[in-house]
N, C-alpha and C. Protein backbone atom coordinates (compact mmCIF):
# COMPACT_ATOMS: atom_id res chain seq x y z
N UNK A 1 -15.07 53.45 7.79
CA UNK A 1 -15.68 52.14 7.37
C UNK A 1 -16.50 51.19 8.81
N UNK A 2 -17.63 51.24 8.78
CA UNK A 2 -18.60 51.00 10.10
C UNK A 2 -18.33 49.45 10.13
N UNK A 3 -18.31 48.86 11.07
CA UNK A 3 -17.92 47.89 11.10
C UNK A 3 -19.03 46.58 11.56
N UNK A 4 -19.37 45.51 11.00
CA UNK A 4 -20.57 44.63 11.59
C UNK A 4 -19.79 43.99 12.78
N UNK A 5 -21.59 43.82 13.63
CA UNK A 5 -21.27 43.62 15.12
C UNK A 5 -20.97 42.11 15.07
N UNK A 6 -21.39 41.55 14.04
CA UNK A 6 -21.27 39.94 14.16
C UNK A 6 -19.84 39.65 14.01
N UNK A 7 -19.85 38.09 15.37
CA UNK A 7 -18.52 37.57 15.53
C UNK A 7 -18.08 36.49 14.09
N UNK A 8 -17.24 36.68 13.62
CA UNK A 8 -16.82 35.75 12.72
C UNK A 8 -16.11 34.92 12.96
N UNK A 9 -16.52 33.38 12.17
CA UNK A 9 -15.67 32.56 12.76
C UNK A 9 -14.86 32.04 11.44
N UNK A 10 -13.28 32.51 11.29
CA UNK A 10 -12.73 31.79 9.92
C UNK A 10 -12.63 30.61 10.08
N UNK A 11 -13.13 29.80 8.80
CA UNK A 11 -13.44 28.13 9.04
C UNK A 11 -12.42 27.77 7.40
N UNK A 12 -11.74 26.75 7.69
CA UNK A 12 -10.70 26.35 6.45
C UNK A 12 -11.08 24.91 6.44
N UNK A 13 -11.09 24.32 5.21
CA UNK A 13 -11.09 22.59 5.07
C UNK A 13 -10.03 22.67 4.38
N UNK A 14 -9.31 21.89 5.13
CA UNK A 14 -8.10 21.54 4.43
C UNK A 14 -8.03 20.71 4.27
N UNK A 15 -7.58 19.97 2.73
CA UNK A 15 -7.59 18.74 2.23
C UNK A 15 -6.48 17.99 1.76
N UNK A 16 -6.18 17.02 1.81
CA UNK A 16 -4.74 16.02 1.64
C UNK A 16 -4.97 15.83 0.10
N UNK A 17 -4.49 16.29 -0.98
CA UNK A 17 -4.99 15.79 -2.31
C UNK A 17 -3.34 15.09 -2.80
N UNK A 18 -2.60 14.68 -2.06
CA UNK A 18 -1.30 14.05 -2.55
C UNK A 18 -1.54 12.71 -2.90
N UNK A 19 -0.62 12.04 -3.84
CA UNK A 19 -0.45 11.08 -4.66
C UNK A 19 -1.07 9.65 -3.71
N UNK A 20 -0.83 9.92 -2.30
CA UNK A 20 -1.29 8.51 -1.66
C UNK A 20 -2.82 8.52 -1.32
N UNK A 21 -3.87 9.81 -1.87
CA UNK A 21 -5.14 9.67 -2.30
C UNK A 21 -5.43 8.85 -3.19
N UNK A 22 -6.35 7.49 -3.02
CA UNK A 22 -6.81 6.73 -4.36
C UNK A 22 -8.12 7.68 -5.01
N UNK A 23 -8.62 7.35 -5.48
CA UNK A 23 -9.99 8.22 -6.38
C UNK A 23 -11.48 7.89 -5.30
N UNK A 24 -11.22 6.67 -4.52
CA UNK A 24 -11.99 6.62 -3.37
C UNK A 24 -12.08 7.59 -2.26
N UNK A 25 -10.91 8.23 -2.02
CA UNK A 25 -10.42 8.83 -1.07
C UNK A 25 -10.53 10.04 -1.47
N UNK A 26 -10.74 10.52 -2.50
CA UNK A 26 -11.05 12.08 -2.68
C UNK A 26 -12.54 11.94 -2.91
N UNK A 27 -13.60 10.82 -3.86
CA UNK A 27 -14.93 10.80 -3.15
C UNK A 27 -15.25 11.30 -2.11
N UNK A 28 -14.88 10.52 -1.01
CA UNK A 28 -15.10 10.98 0.15
C UNK A 28 -14.70 11.91 0.87
N UNK A 29 -13.84 13.31 0.34
CA UNK A 29 -12.91 14.16 0.38
C UNK A 29 -14.33 15.02 0.01
N UNK A 30 -14.51 14.52 -1.08
CA UNK A 30 -15.78 15.44 -1.52
C UNK A 30 -17.10 15.39 -1.01
N UNK A 31 -17.47 14.29 -0.12
CA UNK A 31 -18.70 13.99 0.24
C UNK A 31 -18.63 14.78 1.76
N UNK A 32 -17.35 14.43 2.10
CA UNK A 32 -17.10 15.20 3.43
C UNK A 32 -17.61 16.56 3.48
N UNK A 33 -16.71 17.33 2.36
CA UNK A 33 -16.86 18.86 2.36
C UNK A 33 -18.14 18.88 2.10
N UNK A 34 -19.17 18.48 1.28
CA UNK A 34 -20.50 18.82 0.99
C UNK A 34 -21.40 18.32 2.82
N UNK A 35 -21.02 17.25 3.40
CA UNK A 35 -21.70 17.43 4.60
C UNK A 35 -21.89 18.22 5.38
N UNK A 36 -20.17 18.76 5.63
CA UNK A 36 -20.24 19.53 6.75
C UNK A 36 -20.42 21.26 5.87
N UNK A 37 -20.53 21.31 4.62
CA UNK A 37 -21.39 22.87 4.21
C UNK A 37 -22.76 22.39 4.66
N UNK A 38 -23.61 21.30 4.49
CA UNK A 38 -24.56 21.24 4.88
C UNK A 38 -24.94 21.13 6.18
N UNK A 39 -23.95 20.92 7.43
CA UNK A 39 -24.23 20.98 8.80
C UNK A 39 -24.01 22.26 9.07
N UNK A 40 -22.93 23.16 8.47
CA UNK A 40 -23.37 24.52 8.74
C UNK A 40 -24.73 25.10 8.06
N UNK A 41 -25.00 25.27 6.93
CA UNK A 41 -26.16 25.51 6.62
C UNK A 41 -27.32 25.11 7.63
N UNK A 42 -27.51 24.26 8.44
CA UNK A 42 -28.32 23.57 8.98
C UNK A 42 -28.40 24.44 10.31
N UNK A 43 -27.24 24.96 11.25
CA UNK A 43 -27.23 26.02 11.90
C UNK A 43 -27.36 27.44 11.55
N UNK A 44 -28.18 28.06 11.36
CA UNK A 44 -28.46 29.33 10.73
C UNK A 44 -27.51 30.63 12.44
N UNK A 45 -27.42 29.91 13.07
CA UNK A 45 -26.34 31.25 13.94
C UNK A 45 -24.82 30.87 13.10
N UNK A 46 -24.74 29.77 13.37
CA UNK A 46 -23.13 29.56 13.03
C UNK A 46 -23.01 29.97 11.44
N UNK A 47 -23.95 29.56 10.44
CA UNK A 47 -23.98 29.71 8.74
C UNK A 47 -23.81 31.62 9.05
N UNK A 48 -24.61 31.99 9.59
CA UNK A 48 -24.34 33.71 9.73
C UNK A 48 -23.07 33.78 10.14
N UNK A 49 -22.23 33.37 10.81
CA UNK A 49 -21.27 33.49 11.42
C UNK A 49 -19.84 33.11 10.78
N UNK A 50 -20.15 31.90 9.61
CA UNK A 50 -18.85 31.46 9.31
C UNK A 50 -18.09 32.16 8.29
N UNK A 51 -17.25 31.99 7.82
CA UNK A 51 -16.46 32.31 6.75
C UNK A 51 -15.73 31.29 6.36
N UNK A 52 -15.69 30.54 4.98
CA UNK A 52 -15.10 29.15 4.69
C UNK A 52 -13.92 29.71 3.53
N UNK A 53 -13.17 28.86 3.65
CA UNK A 53 -11.73 28.79 2.69
C UNK A 53 -11.52 27.13 2.30
N UNK A 54 -11.45 26.82 1.13
CA UNK A 54 -10.76 25.42 1.10
C UNK A 54 -8.97 25.53 0.34
N UNK A 55 -8.74 25.06 1.54
CA UNK A 55 -7.06 24.86 1.07
C UNK A 55 -6.76 23.02 0.76
N UNK A 56 -6.19 23.06 -0.02
CA UNK A 56 -5.98 21.71 -0.72
C UNK A 56 -4.11 21.96 -0.51
N UNK A 57 -3.50 20.64 -0.08
CA UNK A 57 -2.05 20.20 -0.25
C UNK A 57 -1.99 19.04 -0.55
N UNK A 58 -0.53 19.12 -1.28
CA UNK A 58 0.65 17.87 -1.63
C UNK A 58 1.78 18.34 -1.26
N UNK A 59 2.71 18.35 -2.24
CA UNK A 59 4.02 19.16 -2.00
C UNK A 59 4.19 20.60 -1.78
N UNK A 60 2.63 21.41 -2.19
CA UNK A 60 2.71 22.68 -1.48
C UNK A 60 1.15 22.94 -1.42
N UNK A 61 0.58 23.90 -0.56
CA UNK A 61 -0.67 24.35 -0.11
C UNK A 61 -1.14 25.10 -1.22
N UNK A 62 -2.43 25.36 -1.53
CA UNK A 62 -2.68 26.31 -2.35
C UNK A 62 -4.43 26.48 -1.67
N UNK A 63 -4.68 28.16 -2.11
CA UNK A 63 -5.77 27.81 -1.73
C UNK A 63 -6.66 27.46 -2.95
N UNK A 64 -7.69 26.65 -2.84
CA UNK A 64 -9.01 26.46 -3.65
C UNK A 64 -10.09 27.30 -3.86
N UNK A 65 -10.38 27.93 -2.58
CA UNK A 65 -11.32 28.25 -2.41
C UNK A 65 -11.00 29.77 -1.52
N UNK A 66 -11.02 30.97 -1.95
CA UNK A 66 -10.74 31.81 -0.96
C UNK A 66 -11.86 31.87 0.05
N UNK A 67 -11.16 32.65 1.16
CA UNK A 67 -12.44 33.06 2.14
C UNK A 67 -13.69 33.38 1.57
N UNK A 68 -15.06 33.03 1.81
CA UNK A 68 -16.03 33.65 1.27
C UNK A 68 -17.37 33.02 2.43
N UNK A 69 -18.55 33.56 2.59
CA UNK A 69 -19.66 33.17 2.83
C UNK A 69 -19.74 31.91 2.65
N UNK A 70 -20.58 30.88 3.36
CA UNK A 70 -21.10 29.91 2.74
C UNK A 70 -21.90 29.67 1.66
N UNK A 71 -22.89 30.98 1.69
CA UNK A 71 -23.71 31.10 0.51
C UNK A 71 -22.94 31.15 -0.83
N UNK A 72 -21.56 31.41 -0.49
CA UNK A 72 -20.61 31.68 -1.87
C UNK A 72 -20.57 30.59 -2.53
N UNK A 73 -20.69 29.52 -1.80
CA UNK A 73 -20.60 28.27 -2.76
C UNK A 73 -21.61 27.57 -3.25
N UNK A 74 -21.99 27.93 -4.99
CA UNK A 74 -23.01 27.80 -5.81
C UNK A 74 -22.96 26.10 -6.24
N UNK A 75 -21.63 26.05 -6.25
CA UNK A 75 -21.24 24.53 -6.61
C UNK A 75 -19.91 24.14 -6.04
N UNK A 76 -19.79 22.87 -5.75
CA UNK A 76 -18.13 22.66 -4.78
C UNK A 76 -17.30 21.96 -6.19
N UNK A 77 -16.41 22.81 -6.52
CA UNK A 77 -15.19 22.03 -7.16
C UNK A 77 -14.67 20.96 -6.81
N UNK A 78 -14.78 19.84 -7.57
CA UNK A 78 -14.01 18.57 -6.89
C UNK A 78 -12.89 18.66 -6.81
N UNK A 79 -12.18 18.13 -6.05
CA UNK A 79 -10.47 18.25 -5.81
C UNK A 79 -10.00 17.21 -6.33
N UNK A 80 -8.79 17.14 -7.08
CA UNK A 80 -8.30 16.03 -7.56
C UNK A 80 -6.99 15.77 -7.04
N UNK A 81 -6.37 14.66 -7.28
CA UNK A 81 -5.08 13.90 -6.72
C UNK A 81 -4.17 14.80 -7.73
N UNK A 82 -3.09 15.26 -6.65
CA UNK A 82 -1.62 16.00 -7.43
C UNK A 82 -0.80 14.64 -7.45
N UNK A 83 0.24 15.21 -7.95
CA UNK A 83 1.33 13.86 -7.92
C UNK A 83 2.36 14.59 -6.09
N UNK A 84 3.07 13.99 -5.66
CA UNK A 84 3.84 14.32 -4.62
C UNK A 84 3.26 14.00 -2.98
N UNK A 85 4.06 14.30 -2.20
CA UNK A 85 3.57 13.57 -0.68
C UNK A 85 3.18 14.88 -0.09
N UNK A 86 1.92 14.26 0.87
CA UNK A 86 1.36 15.00 2.11
C UNK A 86 2.66 15.59 2.79
N UNK A 87 3.32 17.19 2.07
CA UNK A 87 4.19 18.18 3.24
C UNK A 87 3.42 18.53 3.74
N UNK A 88 3.40 18.06 5.40
CA UNK A 88 2.94 18.89 6.38
C UNK A 88 3.67 20.42 6.90
N UNK A 89 4.83 20.01 6.56
CA UNK A 89 5.70 21.34 7.29
C UNK A 89 5.24 22.73 6.17
N UNK A 90 5.36 22.29 4.82
CA UNK A 90 4.54 23.65 3.59
C UNK A 90 3.55 23.62 3.97
N UNK A 91 2.46 22.63 4.62
CA UNK A 91 1.22 23.15 5.02
C UNK A 91 1.13 23.96 5.96
N UNK A 92 1.64 23.68 6.92
CA UNK A 92 1.51 24.73 8.10
C UNK A 92 2.16 26.00 8.43
N UNK A 93 3.50 25.81 7.10
CA UNK A 93 4.25 27.64 7.18
C UNK A 93 3.05 28.00 6.40
N UNK A 94 2.24 27.55 5.20
CA UNK A 94 1.20 28.39 4.58
C UNK A 94 0.23 28.70 5.33
N UNK A 95 -0.46 28.04 6.59
CA UNK A 95 -1.54 28.04 6.91
C UNK A 95 -1.26 29.27 7.70
N UNK A 96 -0.12 29.36 8.77
CA UNK A 96 0.10 30.38 9.55
C UNK A 96 0.18 32.03 8.56
N UNK A 97 0.59 31.98 7.54
CA UNK A 97 0.32 32.86 6.65
C UNK A 97 -0.83 33.24 6.25
N UNK A 98 -1.23 32.14 5.61
CA UNK A 98 -3.10 32.71 5.46
C UNK A 98 -3.80 32.46 6.36
N UNK A 99 -3.91 32.39 7.72
CA UNK A 99 -4.27 32.90 9.02
C UNK A 99 -4.03 34.52 9.10
N UNK A 100 -2.80 34.88 9.05
CA UNK A 100 -2.47 36.08 9.55
C UNK A 100 -3.37 37.24 8.50
N UNK A 101 -3.26 36.74 7.53
CA UNK A 101 -3.65 37.50 5.99
C UNK A 101 -4.96 37.83 5.84
N UNK A 102 -5.74 36.16 6.43
CA UNK A 102 -7.51 36.50 6.45
C UNK A 102 -8.04 36.82 7.81
N UNK A 103 -7.37 36.96 8.96
CA UNK A 103 -8.13 37.23 9.85
C UNK A 103 -7.87 38.52 10.05
N UNK A 104 -6.79 39.42 9.35
CA UNK A 104 -6.39 40.73 9.40
C UNK A 104 -7.36 41.39 8.25
N UNK A 105 -7.68 40.56 7.75
CA UNK A 105 -8.48 41.13 6.49
C UNK A 105 -10.31 41.57 7.38
N UNK A 106 -10.63 40.22 7.83
CA UNK A 106 -11.83 40.26 8.51
C UNK A 106 -12.01 41.18 9.38
N UNK A 107 -10.89 41.11 10.20
CA UNK A 107 -10.85 42.04 11.56
C UNK A 107 -11.42 43.69 10.95
N UNK A 108 -11.08 43.83 9.61
CA UNK A 108 -10.91 45.06 8.88
C UNK A 108 -12.49 45.70 9.08
N UNK A 109 -13.70 44.64 8.94
CA UNK A 109 -15.25 44.82 8.49
C UNK A 109 -15.53 44.20 9.81
N UNK A 110 -14.97 43.47 10.40
CA UNK A 110 -15.89 43.30 11.69
C UNK A 110 -15.42 43.22 12.93
N UNK A 111 -16.48 43.61 13.77
CA UNK A 111 -15.87 43.88 15.42
C UNK A 111 -15.40 42.92 16.16
N UNK A 112 -15.41 41.63 15.64
CA UNK A 112 -15.12 40.58 16.66
C UNK A 112 -14.54 39.45 15.61
N UNK A 113 -13.58 38.65 15.33
CA UNK A 113 -13.21 37.57 14.85
C UNK A 113 -12.68 36.49 15.59
N UNK A 114 -13.77 35.62 15.69
CA UNK A 114 -13.10 34.07 16.61
C UNK A 114 -11.74 33.50 16.40
N UNK A 115 -11.10 32.61 17.38
CA UNK A 115 -10.14 31.89 16.79
C UNK A 115 -10.63 31.44 15.48
N UNK A 116 -9.45 31.20 14.53
CA UNK A 116 -9.77 30.37 13.58
C UNK A 116 -10.09 28.79 13.49
N UNK A 117 -10.72 28.18 12.61
CA UNK A 117 -10.88 26.56 12.54
C UNK A 117 -10.54 26.10 11.86
N UNK A 118 -9.65 25.41 11.84
CA UNK A 118 -9.19 24.16 10.25
C UNK A 118 -9.56 22.72 10.70
N UNK A 119 -10.17 22.43 9.31
CA UNK A 119 -10.76 20.86 9.49
C UNK A 119 -10.27 20.82 8.61
N UNK A 120 -8.81 19.31 9.04
CA UNK A 120 -7.84 18.81 8.39
C UNK A 120 -8.24 17.24 7.88
N UNK A 121 -8.63 17.22 6.82
CA UNK A 121 -8.64 15.85 6.26
C UNK A 121 -7.39 15.57 5.38
N UNK A 122 -6.88 14.35 5.99
CA UNK A 122 -5.61 13.63 5.52
C UNK A 122 -5.70 12.20 5.30
N UNK A 123 -5.12 11.54 4.45
CA UNK A 123 -4.58 9.96 4.18
C UNK A 123 -4.07 9.83 5.76
N UNK A 124 -3.22 10.50 6.16
CA UNK A 124 -2.25 9.74 7.11
C UNK A 124 -1.07 10.62 7.41
N UNK A 125 -0.04 9.95 7.30
CA UNK A 125 0.82 10.50 7.55
C UNK A 125 1.83 11.50 6.67
N UNK A 126 2.66 12.14 7.57
CA UNK A 126 3.17 13.48 6.95
C UNK A 126 4.36 12.77 5.68
N UNK A 127 4.68 13.43 4.78
CA UNK A 127 5.51 12.91 3.86
C UNK A 127 6.95 13.96 3.75
N UNK A 128 7.02 14.53 5.17
CA UNK A 128 8.26 15.14 5.19
C UNK A 128 8.81 15.09 6.67
N UNK A 129 10.12 15.07 7.03
CA UNK A 129 10.73 15.28 8.13
C UNK A 129 10.88 16.74 8.49
N UNK A 130 10.72 17.32 9.61
CA UNK A 130 10.79 18.44 10.44
C UNK A 130 9.43 19.29 10.04
N UNK A 131 8.34 18.65 10.08
CA UNK A 131 7.13 18.90 9.94
C UNK A 131 6.29 19.81 11.08
N UNK A 132 7.16 19.38 12.34
CA UNK A 132 6.81 19.67 13.84
C UNK A 132 7.11 20.87 13.84
N UNK A 133 8.13 21.06 13.78
CA UNK A 133 8.71 22.83 14.04
C UNK A 133 7.88 24.15 13.50
N UNK A 134 6.95 23.46 12.28
CA UNK A 134 6.10 24.49 11.55
C UNK A 134 4.90 23.86 12.02
N UNK A 135 4.74 22.97 12.76
CA UNK A 135 3.33 23.34 13.61
C UNK A 135 2.94 23.48 14.82
N UNK A 136 4.24 23.60 15.43
CA UNK A 136 4.45 24.18 16.75
C UNK A 136 4.83 25.54 16.15
N UNK A 137 5.08 26.40 15.46
CA UNK A 137 4.98 27.43 15.17
C UNK A 137 3.69 28.42 15.11
N UNK A 138 2.51 27.41 14.13
CA UNK A 138 1.22 27.81 13.99
C UNK A 138 0.58 27.92 15.16
N UNK A 139 0.72 26.58 16.05
CA UNK A 139 -0.03 26.84 17.49
C UNK A 139 0.97 27.10 18.21
N UNK A 140 1.87 28.15 18.39
CA UNK A 140 2.42 28.89 19.36
C UNK A 140 1.51 30.15 19.76
N UNK A 141 2.05 29.90 21.54
CA UNK A 141 0.82 31.22 22.25
C UNK A 141 1.45 32.40 21.61
N UNK A 142 2.28 32.89 21.23
CA UNK A 142 2.48 34.20 20.72
C UNK A 142 1.57 34.43 19.28
N UNK A 143 1.63 33.45 18.09
CA UNK A 143 0.57 33.64 17.48
C UNK A 143 -0.58 33.88 17.58
N UNK A 144 -1.31 35.02 17.33
CA UNK A 144 -2.50 35.78 18.00
C UNK A 144 -3.58 35.27 17.13
N UNK A 145 -3.13 34.42 16.40
CA UNK A 145 -4.12 33.80 14.96
C UNK A 145 -4.05 32.49 15.25
N UNK A 146 -3.47 31.98 16.35
CA UNK A 146 -3.34 30.21 16.46
C UNK A 146 -4.59 29.32 16.22
N UNK A 147 -5.10 28.48 15.64
CA UNK A 147 -6.50 28.01 15.00
C UNK A 147 -6.93 26.88 15.87
N UNK A 148 -7.89 26.49 15.95
CA UNK A 148 -8.18 25.18 16.60
C UNK A 148 -7.96 24.39 15.43
N UNK A 149 -7.71 23.12 15.58
CA UNK A 149 -7.74 21.90 14.83
C UNK A 149 -8.45 20.79 14.82
N UNK A 150 -9.01 20.12 13.90
CA UNK A 150 -9.93 19.11 13.86
C UNK A 150 -9.44 18.21 12.80
N UNK A 151 -8.66 17.04 12.99
CA UNK A 151 -8.03 16.30 12.11
C UNK A 151 -9.11 15.21 12.04
N UNK A 152 -9.38 14.92 10.65
CA UNK A 152 -9.64 13.37 10.62
C UNK A 152 -9.34 12.75 9.31
N UNK A 153 -9.18 11.54 9.45
CA UNK A 153 -8.48 10.71 8.55
C UNK A 153 -9.50 10.24 7.43
N UNK A 154 -9.03 10.02 6.17
CA UNK A 154 -10.13 9.63 5.20
C UNK A 154 -11.18 8.30 5.84
N UNK A 155 -10.56 7.44 6.20
CA UNK A 155 -11.48 6.14 6.60
C UNK A 155 -12.37 6.77 7.25
N UNK A 156 -11.93 7.09 8.65
CA UNK A 156 -13.24 7.56 9.74
C UNK A 156 -14.32 9.03 9.25
N UNK A 157 -13.72 9.74 8.22
CA UNK A 157 -14.79 10.65 7.31
C UNK A 157 -15.37 9.43 6.57
N UNK A 158 -14.92 8.99 5.65
CA UNK A 158 -16.12 7.64 4.95
C UNK A 158 -16.72 6.88 5.99
N UNK A 159 -16.41 6.50 7.17
CA UNK A 159 -17.59 5.62 7.89
C UNK A 159 -18.80 6.85 8.27
N UNK A 160 -18.26 8.17 8.23
CA UNK A 160 -19.07 8.67 9.08
C UNK A 160 -20.12 9.45 7.80
N UNK A 161 -19.75 9.48 6.75
CA UNK A 161 -20.30 9.66 5.77
C UNK A 161 -21.55 8.64 5.15
N UNK A 162 -21.03 7.20 5.03
CA UNK A 162 -22.05 5.88 5.46
C UNK A 162 -22.81 6.31 6.33
N UNK A 163 -22.82 6.75 7.38
CA UNK A 163 -23.73 6.18 8.29
C UNK A 163 -24.88 7.84 8.28
N UNK A 164 -24.67 8.07 7.41
CA UNK A 164 -25.69 9.69 7.31
C UNK A 164 -26.58 9.34 5.97
N UNK A 165 -27.68 9.45 6.34
CA UNK A 165 -29.05 9.06 5.37
C UNK A 165 -29.24 10.04 4.02
N UNK A 166 -29.05 9.84 2.72
CA UNK A 166 -29.16 10.49 1.91
C UNK A 166 -29.79 11.67 1.90
N UNK A 167 -31.15 11.38 2.44
CA UNK A 167 -32.00 12.40 1.94
C UNK A 167 -31.95 13.45 3.75
N UNK A 168 -31.19 13.31 4.26
CA UNK A 168 -31.26 13.72 5.70
C UNK A 168 -32.13 13.18 6.56
N UNK A 169 -32.68 12.13 6.28
CA UNK A 169 -33.76 11.70 6.95
C UNK A 169 -33.04 10.52 7.65
N UNK A 170 -33.32 10.14 9.54
CA UNK A 170 -32.75 9.19 9.87
C UNK A 170 -31.20 9.74 10.59
N UNK A 171 -30.46 9.03 10.46
CA UNK A 171 -29.07 9.21 11.70
C UNK A 171 -28.68 11.06 11.04
N UNK A 172 -28.45 11.75 12.12
CA UNK A 172 -27.93 13.05 11.91
C UNK A 172 -26.41 12.78 11.58
N UNK A 173 -25.82 13.48 10.67
CA UNK A 173 -24.20 13.66 10.37
C UNK A 173 -24.13 14.48 11.60
N UNK A 174 -22.91 13.88 11.65
CA UNK A 174 -22.37 15.18 12.83
C UNK A 174 -20.97 14.51 12.92
N UNK A 175 -20.29 16.42 12.68
CA UNK A 175 -18.89 16.34 12.74
C UNK A 175 -18.28 16.95 13.46
N UNK A 176 -19.32 17.08 14.99
CA UNK A 176 -18.51 17.44 16.61
C UNK A 176 -17.85 18.80 15.73
N UNK A 177 -18.33 19.89 15.10
CA UNK A 177 -17.85 20.99 14.86
C UNK A 177 -18.04 21.71 15.96
N UNK A 178 -19.41 22.13 16.97
CA UNK A 178 -19.58 23.05 17.36
C UNK A 178 -19.11 22.78 19.18
N UNK A 179 -18.19 23.60 19.24
CA UNK A 179 -17.53 23.11 20.76
C UNK A 179 -18.64 23.53 22.00
N UNK A 180 -18.10 23.21 23.30
CA UNK A 180 -19.21 23.51 24.13
C UNK A 180 -18.81 24.62 24.66
N UNK A 181 -17.89 24.89 24.52
CA UNK A 181 -17.36 26.05 25.39
C UNK A 181 -17.27 27.33 23.76
N UNK A 182 -17.56 28.50 24.04
CA UNK A 182 -17.29 29.73 23.26
C UNK A 182 -15.80 29.52 22.51
N UNK A 183 -15.67 29.78 21.25
CA UNK A 183 -14.23 29.78 20.52
C UNK A 183 -13.77 31.13 21.34
N UNK A 184 -12.40 31.23 21.57
CA UNK A 184 -11.86 32.10 21.95
C UNK A 184 -11.85 33.53 20.36
N UNK A 185 -11.66 34.31 20.94
CA UNK A 185 -11.65 35.67 20.18
C UNK A 185 -10.57 35.77 20.06
N UNK A 186 -9.96 36.14 18.37
CA UNK A 186 -8.71 36.92 18.28
C UNK A 186 -8.50 38.27 18.80
N UNK A 187 -7.55 38.69 19.34
CA UNK A 187 -7.53 40.02 19.71
C UNK A 187 -7.42 41.54 18.66
């Protein structure tokens, strides 16, 4: 199998869908996802490199949209509120498994895979104790798929979305996704 020479960036949109989220919060998350996808599409280099997956979590985490190119989104499935608390421990344990699986799969068809990027949108506090040990395992130096994580609270995301004009004219929506230094490569 011939490998593609393009360096791929695994990108995960991770959304809190716990019972702490209101309908307005979920609308903000949906608008935020659309805004992120618009920003990715606006950058042809990043658009060519990025592979996106959407993960939701409450008591448990699950993949809503499996790893795909942004062009694979013909429509956006609206995320819905689930019962239960935002279990960060279950989320971080699941993400460690998912990152390893997806990055290994991407490495089979691409010559380079960048360090994964997680964009985490949450209402706030974890609903479980002991979550920090799972976060530390996800971020451990010996985990070769250790991600970069950008976290946004729903209120901050709402403010950002409200500052963007509907037609893309005026203020530019910016989620600060493009690091000033190159993303680390996965060995």
